Amino acid sequence: MPQPSHAARVCPACDGFASAAITLGGRDHKGQRRTITAHCRTCHGTGTVTASQTRAAAPSAVSA
């Protein structure tokens, strides 16, 4: 079965791993690690981008 042409693509900035839990180094009063969630700025935490966003997110070649 063919894929639709408007299918979302994997984000080139995060390779589909759009969110990460980062430990702050300490523990709370229950003994759990304190963490924050960081999201990819390009795809806003979804892991996918549209074709037009892929072109905009791709790094441009700079010649010296």
C-alpha atoms as a PDB file:
ATOM      1  CA  MET A   1       0.000   0.000   0.000  1.00  0.00           C
ATOM      2  CA  PRO A   2       1.556   3.367  -0.962  1.00  0.00           C
ATOM      3  CA  GLN A   3       2.358   6.007   1.636  1.00  0.00           C
ATOM      4  CA  PRO A   4       0.528   9.350   1.432  1.00  0.00           C
ATOM      5  CA  SER A   5       2.730  12.208   0.208  1.00  0.00           C
ATOM      6  CA  HIS A   6       1.781  14.463   3.130  1.00  0.00           C
ATOM      7  CA  ALA A   7       3.183  12.054   5.745  1.00  0.00           C
ATOM      8  CA  ALA A   8       5.202  13.633   8.527  1.00  0.00           C
ATOM      9  CA  ARG A   9       8.946  13.046   8.501  1.00  0.00           C
ATOM     10  CA  VAL A  10      11.303  12.403  11.408  1.00  0.00           C
ATOM     11  CA  CYS A  11      12.682  15.654  12.811  1.00  0.00           C
ATOM     12  CA  PRO A  12      16.287  16.198  11.628  1.00  0.00           C
ATOM     13  CA  ALA A  13      17.224  18.098  14.782  1.00  0.00           C
ATOM     14  CA  CYS A  14      16.321  15.382  17.313  1.00  0.00           C
ATOM     15  CA  ASP A  15      16.066  12.244  15.099  1.00  0.00           C
ATOM     16  CA  GLY A  16      12.601  11.514  16.502  1.00  0.00           C
ATOM     17  CA  PHE A  17      13.663  11.615  20.170  1.00  0.00           C
ATOM     18  CA  ALA A  18      11.793  14.838  20.849  1.00  0.00           C
ATOM     19  CA  SER A  19      11.667  14.856  24.642  1.00  0.00           C
ATOM     20  CA  ALA A  20      14.225  13.987  27.271  1.00  0.00           C
ATOM     21  CA  ALA A  21      14.007  13.775  31.055  1.00  0.00           C
ATOM     22  CA  ILE A  22      16.990  15.523  32.623  1.00  0.00           C
ATOM     23  CA  THR A  23      17.862  14.912  36.245  1.00  0.00           C
ATOM     24  CA  LEU A  24      18.620  17.915  38.411  1.00  0.00           C
ATOM     25  CA  GLY A  25      20.967  15.913  40.630  1.00  0.00           C
ATOM     26  CA  GLY A  26      18.945  15.853  43.839  1.00  0.00           C
ATOM     27  CA  ARG A  27      16.073  13.907  45.311  1.00  0.00           C
ATOM     28  CA  ASP A  28      12.758  15.064  46.718  1.00  0.00           C
ATOM     29  CA  HIS A  29      11.355  14.239  50.174  1.00  0.00           C
ATOM     30  CA  LYS A  30      10.009  10.886  48.883  1.00  0.00           C
ATOM     31  CA  GLY A  31      13.431   9.817  47.549  1.00  0.00           C
ATOM     32  CA  GLN A  32      12.470  10.279  43.881  1.00  0.00           C
ATOM     33  CA  ARG A  33      14.926  11.935  41.510  1.00  0.00           C
ATOM     34  CA  ARG A  34      13.990  15.487  40.560  1.00  0.00           C
ATOM     35  CA  THR A  35      13.742  15.809  36.780  1.00  0.00           C
ATOM     36  CA  ILE A  36      12.687  18.315  34.154  1.00  0.00           C
ATOM     37  CA  THR A  37      11.487  17.570  30.621  1.00  0.00           C
ATOM     38  CA  ALA A  38      13.272  19.203  27.690  1.00  0.00           C
ATOM     39  CA  HIS A  39      11.566  19.339  24.283  1.00  0.00           C
ATOM     40  CA  CYS A  40      13.107  19.778  20.831  1.00  0.00           C
ATOM     41  CA  ARG A  41      12.798  23.377  19.621  1.00  0.00           C
ATOM     42  CA  THR A  42      12.376  22.399  15.983  1.00  0.00           C
ATOM     43  CA  CYS A  43       9.444  19.982  16.312  1.00  0.00           C
ATOM     44  CA  HIS A  44       8.119  21.232  19.689  1.00  0.00           C
ATOM     45  CA  GLY A  45       8.263  17.772  21.235  1.00  0.00           C
ATOM     46  CA  THR A  46       6.392  15.818  18.555  1.00  0.00           C
ATOM     47  CA  GLY A  47       9.384  14.102  16.873  1.00  0.00           C
ATOM     48  CA  THR A  48       8.025  14.764  13.377  1.00  0.00           C
ATOM     49  CA  VAL A  49       8.025  17.685  10.976  1.00  0.00           C
ATOM     50  CA  THR A  50       6.327  18.431   7.658  1.00  0.00           C
ATOM     51  CA  ALA A  51       8.260  18.606   4.390  1.00  0.00           C
ATOM     52  CA  SER A  52       8.376  22.423   4.470  1.00  0.00           C
ATOM     53  CA  GLN A  53       9.704  22.386   8.056  1.00  0.00           C
ATOM     54  CA  THR A  54      12.375  19.854   7.048  1.00  0.00           C
ATOM     55  CA  ARG A  55      13.742  22.243   4.439  1.00  0.00           C
ATOM     56  CA  ALA A  56      13.690  25.149   6.900  1.00  0.00           C
ATOM     57  CA  ALA A  57      15.398  23.111   9.665  1.00  0.00           C
ATOM     58  CA  ALA A  58      18.182  21.783   7.423  1.00  0.00           C
ATOM     59  CA  PRO A  59      21.477  23.606   7.992  1.00  0.00           C
ATOM     60  CA  SER A  60      22.483  25.775   5.057  1.00  0.00           C
ATOM     61  CA  ALA A  61      25.929  25.424   3.502  1.00  0.00           C
ATOM     62  CA  VAL A  62      28.169  28.406   4.140  1.00  0.00           C
ATOM     63  CA  SER A  63      31.101  29.000   1.821  1.00  0.00           C
ATOM     64  CA  ALA A  64      34.064  31.042   3.003  1.00  0.00           C
END
